[in-house]
């Protein structure tokens, strides 16, 4: 009787699989206590009519392969999440392209920084004074 000398194979190692957008969507749906169907119905870019399908969201959350979303799809997802689109852009950039958001803060913090850039200098100073009253320098670190 011949012996079978098959050696077990080493598992195939895949590069680190990021899930920032998937985690954000899954977490936000739970916070909103919203099922997949209801969430997908809200995932619409009102300016362009672009929709994100329930199937795409499901595959994203399950870690299955999906096509990276385009800007209009991120706008649609942001509408469903009730978040600024910049939050979704950071999460998608991190998951699909390995681009890390603002090093010293969250995706939400970076969204605020983008909005801050749109304010005139006098309003920026007012906002900084307000922030300093809420979280004095040195205490937030």
C-alpha atoms as a PDB file:
ATOM      1  CA  UNK A   1       0.000   0.000   0.000  1.00  0.00           C
ATOM      2  CA  UNK A   2       1.444   3.336  -1.053  1.00  0.00           C
ATOM      3  CA  UNK A   3       1.595   6.052   1.552  1.00  0.00           C
ATOM      4  CA  UNK A   4       0.247   9.455   0.792  1.00  0.00           C
ATOM      5  CA  UNK A   5       3.042  11.971   1.438  1.00  0.00           C
ATOM      6  CA  UNK A   6       1.020  15.139   0.998  1.00  0.00           C
ATOM      7  CA  UNK A   7       2.348  17.924   3.181  1.00  0.00           C
ATOM      8  CA  UNK A   8      -0.049  20.505   4.578  1.00  0.00           C
ATOM      9  CA  UNK A   9       0.250  23.838   2.842  1.00  0.00           C
ATOM     10  CA  UNK A  10       1.125  27.061   4.581  1.00  0.00           C
ATOM     11  CA  UNK A  11      -1.929  29.282   4.808  1.00  0.00           C
ATOM     12  CA  UNK A  12      -1.961  32.024   2.219  1.00  0.00           C
ATOM     13  CA  UNK A  13      -1.291  35.303   3.957  1.00  0.00           C
ATOM     14  CA  UNK A  14      -3.228  38.244   2.674  1.00  0.00           C
ATOM     15  CA  UNK A  15      -2.145  41.813   3.226  1.00  0.00           C
ATOM     16  CA  UNK A  16      -3.822  43.522   6.152  1.00  0.00           C
ATOM     17  CA  UNK A  17      -7.471  43.917   5.286  1.00  0.00           C
ATOM     18  CA  UNK A  18      -8.777  47.237   6.506  1.00  0.00           C
ATOM     19  CA  UNK A  19     -12.401  47.644   7.447  1.00  0.00           C
ATOM     20  CA  UNK A  20     -12.739  51.283   8.480  1.00  0.00           C
ATOM     21  CA  UNK A  21     -15.744  52.104   6.283  1.00  0.00           C
ATOM     22  CA  UNK A  22     -17.419  48.772   6.999  1.00  0.00           C
ATOM     23  CA  UNK A  23     -16.966  49.262  10.747  1.00  0.00           C
ATOM     24  CA  UNK A  24     -18.280  52.820  10.583  1.00  0.00           C
ATOM     25  CA  UNK A  25     -21.408  51.795   8.638  1.00  0.00           C
ATOM     26  CA  UNK A  26     -22.097  48.767  10.850  1.00  0.00           C
ATOM     27  CA  UNK A  27     -21.623  50.793  14.051  1.00  0.00           C
ATOM     28  CA  UNK A  28     -23.761  53.691  12.814  1.00  0.00           C
ATOM     29  CA  UNK A  29     -26.613  51.422  11.713  1.00  0.00           C
ATOM     30  CA  UNK A  30     -26.604  49.916  15.206  1.00  0.00           C
ATOM     31  CA  UNK A  31     -26.606  53.379  16.829  1.00  0.00           C
ATOM     32  CA  UNK A  32     -29.550  54.400  14.659  1.00  0.00           C
ATOM     33  CA  UNK A  33     -31.230  51.044  15.384  1.00  0.00           C
ATOM     34  CA  UNK A  34     -31.798  50.668  11.667  1.00  0.00           C
ATOM     35  CA  UNK A  35     -32.062  47.528   9.591  1.00  0.00           C
ATOM     36  CA  UNK A  36     -30.198  47.082   6.345  1.00  0.00           C
ATOM     37  CA  UNK A  37     -33.236  47.764   4.155  1.00  0.00           C
ATOM     38  CA  UNK A  38     -34.204  50.992   5.934  1.00  0.00           C
ATOM     39  CA  UNK A  39     -30.599  52.194   5.931  1.00  0.00           C
ATOM     40  CA  UNK A  40     -30.224  51.510   2.207  1.00  0.00           C
ATOM     41  CA  UNK A  41     -33.457  53.388   1.511  1.00  0.00           C
ATOM     42  CA  UNK A  42     -31.907  56.466   3.165  1.00  0.00           C
ATOM     43  CA  UNK A  43     -28.587  56.073   1.321  1.00  0.00           C
ATOM     44  CA  UNK A  44     -29.371  58.506  -1.492  1.00  0.00           C
ATOM     45  CA  UNK A  45     -27.444  61.526  -2.784  1.00  0.00           C
ATOM     46  CA  UNK A  46     -30.321  63.967  -3.207  1.00  0.00           C
ATOM     47  CA  UNK A  47     -28.370  66.138  -5.674  1.00  0.00           C
ATOM     48  CA  UNK A  48     -27.542  63.360  -8.149  1.00  0.00           C
ATOM     49  CA  UNK A  49     -30.038  60.647  -7.234  1.00  0.00           C
ATOM     50  CA  UNK A  50     -27.171  58.188  -6.698  1.00  0.00           C
ATOM     51  CA  UNK A  51     -28.192  55.295  -4.442  1.00  0.00           C
ATOM     52  CA  UNK A  52     -26.233  52.689  -2.537  1.00  0.00           C
ATOM     53  CA  UNK A  53     -27.867  49.275  -2.693  1.00  0.00           C
ATOM     54  CA  UNK A  54     -28.687  47.035   0.225  1.00  0.00           C
ATOM     55  CA  UNK A  55     -26.583  44.289  -1.347  1.00  0.00           C
ATOM     56  CA  UNK A  56     -23.486  46.496  -1.574  1.00  0.00           C
ATOM     57  CA  UNK A  57     -23.872  47.583   2.064  1.00  0.00           C
ATOM     58  CA  UNK A  58     -24.364  43.965   3.144  1.00  0.00           C
ATOM     59  CA  UNK A  59     -21.248  42.797   1.276  1.00  0.00           C
ATOM     60  CA  UNK A  60     -19.233  45.705   2.714  1.00  0.00           C
ATOM     61  CA  UNK A  61     -20.283  44.887   6.266  1.00  0.00           C
ATOM     62  CA  UNK A  62     -19.575  41.166   5.762  1.00  0.00           C
ATOM     63  CA  UNK A  63     -16.051  41.856   4.490  1.00  0.00           C
ATOM     64  CA  UNK A  64     -16.850  40.563   1.021  1.00  0.00           C
ATOM     65  CA  UNK A  65     -15.261  42.202  -2.026  1.00  0.00           C
ATOM     66  CA  UNK A  66     -16.984  45.413  -3.120  1.00  0.00           C
ATOM     67  CA  UNK A  67     -16.196  48.119  -5.617  1.00  0.00           C
ATOM     68  CA  UNK A  68     -14.795  51.155  -3.796  1.00  0.00           C
ATOM     69  CA  UNK A  69     -17.476  53.846  -3.581  1.00  0.00           C
ATOM     70  CA  UNK A  70     -17.318  56.981  -5.702  1.00  0.00           C
ATOM     71  CA  UNK A  71     -17.936  60.410  -4.182  1.00  0.00           C
ATOM     72  CA  UNK A  72     -21.686  60.426  -4.884  1.00  0.00           C
ATOM     73  CA  UNK A  73     -22.041  57.058  -3.176  1.00  0.00           C
ATOM     74  CA  UNK A  74     -20.174  58.427  -0.154  1.00  0.00           C
ATOM     75  CA  UNK A  75     -22.591  61.374  -0.110  1.00  0.00           C
ATOM     76  CA  UNK A  76     -25.473  58.884  -0.151  1.00  0.00           C
ATOM     77  CA  UNK A  77     -23.941  56.875   2.700  1.00  0.00           C
ATOM     78  CA  UNK A  78     -23.291  60.094   4.643  1.00  0.00           C
ATOM     79  CA  UNK A  79     -26.975  60.989   4.310  1.00  0.00           C
ATOM     80  CA  UNK A  80     -27.980  57.606   5.707  1.00  0.00           C
ATOM     81  CA  UNK A  81     -25.439  57.912   8.544  1.00  0.00           C
ATOM     82  CA  UNK A  82     -26.306  61.561   9.236  1.00  0.00           C
ATOM     83  CA  UNK A  83     -22.579  62.343   9.142  1.00  0.00           C
ATOM     84  CA  UNK A  84     -20.555  64.881   7.171  1.00  0.00           C
ATOM     85  CA  UNK A  85     -19.317  63.304   3.929  1.00  0.00           C
ATOM     86  CA  UNK A  86     -15.721  63.909   5.042  1.00  0.00           C
ATOM     87  CA  UNK A  87     -16.138  61.275   7.759  1.00  0.00           C
ATOM     88  CA  UNK A  88     -17.084  58.708   5.108  1.00  0.00           C
ATOM     89  CA  UNK A  89     -14.279  59.868   2.795  1.00  0.00           C
ATOM     90  CA  UNK A  90     -11.693  59.293   5.504  1.00  0.00           C
ATOM     91  CA  UNK A  91     -13.032  55.843   6.335  1.00  0.00           C
ATOM     92  CA  UNK A  92     -13.225  54.831   2.667  1.00  0.00           C
ATOM     93  CA  UNK A  93      -9.763  56.218   1.924  1.00  0.00           C
ATOM     94  CA  UNK A  94      -8.367  54.236   4.802  1.00  0.00           C
ATOM     95  CA  UNK A  95     -10.163  50.998   3.922  1.00  0.00           C
ATOM     96  CA  UNK A  96      -9.721  50.976   0.159  1.00  0.00           C
ATOM     97  CA  UNK A  97      -6.545  52.968  -0.407  1.00  0.00           C
ATOM     98  CA  UNK A  98      -4.587  52.725   2.852  1.00  0.00           C
ATOM     99  CA  UNK A  99      -4.767  56.490   3.378  1.00  0.00           C
ATOM    100  CA  UNK A 100      -4.783  57.267   7.074  1.00  0.00           C
ATOM    101  CA  UNK A 101      -6.950  60.145   8.310  1.00  0.00           C
ATOM    102  CA  UNK A 102      -5.632  63.001  10.401  1.00  0.00           C
ATOM    103  CA  UNK A 103      -2.957  61.386  12.545  1.00  0.00           C
ATOM    104  CA  UNK A 104      -3.856  63.183  15.748  1.00  0.00           C
ATOM    105  CA  UNK A 105      -7.599  62.750  15.573  1.00  0.00           C
ATOM    106  CA  UNK A 106     -10.609  60.795  14.483  1.00  0.00           C
ATOM    107  CA  UNK A 107     -12.391  60.973  11.149  1.00  0.00           C
ATOM    108  CA  UNK A 108     -14.931  63.200  12.826  1.00  0.00           C
ATOM    109  CA  UNK A 109     -12.164  65.559  13.995  1.00  0.00           C
ATOM    110  CA  UNK A 110     -10.836  65.784  10.463  1.00  0.00           C
ATOM    111  CA  UNK A 111     -14.330  66.637   9.186  1.00  0.00           C
ATOM    112  CA  UNK A 112     -14.391  69.521  11.644  1.00  0.00           C
ATOM    113  CA  UNK A 113     -10.977  70.669  10.446  1.00  0.00           C
ATOM    114  CA  UNK A 114     -12.307  70.749   6.860  1.00  0.00           C
ATOM    115  CA  UNK A 115     -15.221  72.913   7.998  1.00  0.00           C
ATOM    116  CA  UNK A 116     -12.878  75.113  10.010  1.00  0.00           C
ATOM    117  CA  UNK A 117     -10.945  75.884   6.828  1.00  0.00           C
ATOM    118  CA  UNK A 118     -14.125  77.390   5.383  1.00  0.00           C
ATOM    119  CA  UNK A 119     -14.548  79.952   8.196  1.00  0.00           C
ATOM    120  CA  UNK A 120     -13.202  83.496   8.013  1.00  0.00           C
ATOM    121  CA  UNK A 121     -10.279  84.228  10.387  1.00  0.00           C
ATOM    122  CA  UNK A 122     -12.371  86.152  12.941  1.00  0.00           C
ATOM    123  CA  UNK A 123     -14.833  83.261  13.274  1.00  0.00           C
ATOM    124  CA  UNK A 124     -11.939  80.804  13.631  1.00  0.00           C
ATOM    125  CA  UNK A 125     -10.626  82.834  16.567  1.00  0.00           C
ATOM    126  CA  UNK A 126     -14.087  82.911  18.179  1.00  0.00           C
ATOM    127  CA  UNK A 127     -14.397  79.158  17.790  1.00  0.00           C
ATOM    128  CA  UNK A 128     -10.927  78.583  19.258  1.00  0.00           C
ATOM    129  CA  UNK A 129     -11.846  80.702  22.302  1.00  0.00           C
ATOM    130  CA  UNK A 130     -15.051  78.671  22.731  1.00  0.00           C
ATOM    131  CA  UNK A 131     -13.150  75.379  22.464  1.00  0.00           C
ATOM    132  CA  UNK A 132     -10.624  76.636  25.022  1.00  0.00           C
ATOM    133  CA  UNK A 133     -13.442  77.303  27.496  1.00  0.00           C
ATOM    134  CA  UNK A 134     -14.778  73.768  27.025  1.00  0.00           C
ATOM    135  CA  UNK A 135     -11.422  71.970  26.977  1.00  0.00           C
ATOM    136  CA  UNK A 136      -8.667  74.262  28.259  1.00  0.00           C
ATOM    137  CA  UNK A 137      -5.262  73.737  26.600  1.00  0.00           C
ATOM    138  CA  UNK A 138      -3.268  70.940  28.219  1.00  0.00           C
ATOM    139  CA  UNK A 139      -6.304  69.153  29.716  1.00  0.00           C
ATOM    140  CA  UNK A 140      -7.413  67.372  26.532  1.00  0.00           C
ATOM    141  CA  UNK A 141      -4.115  65.547  26.098  1.00  0.00           C
END
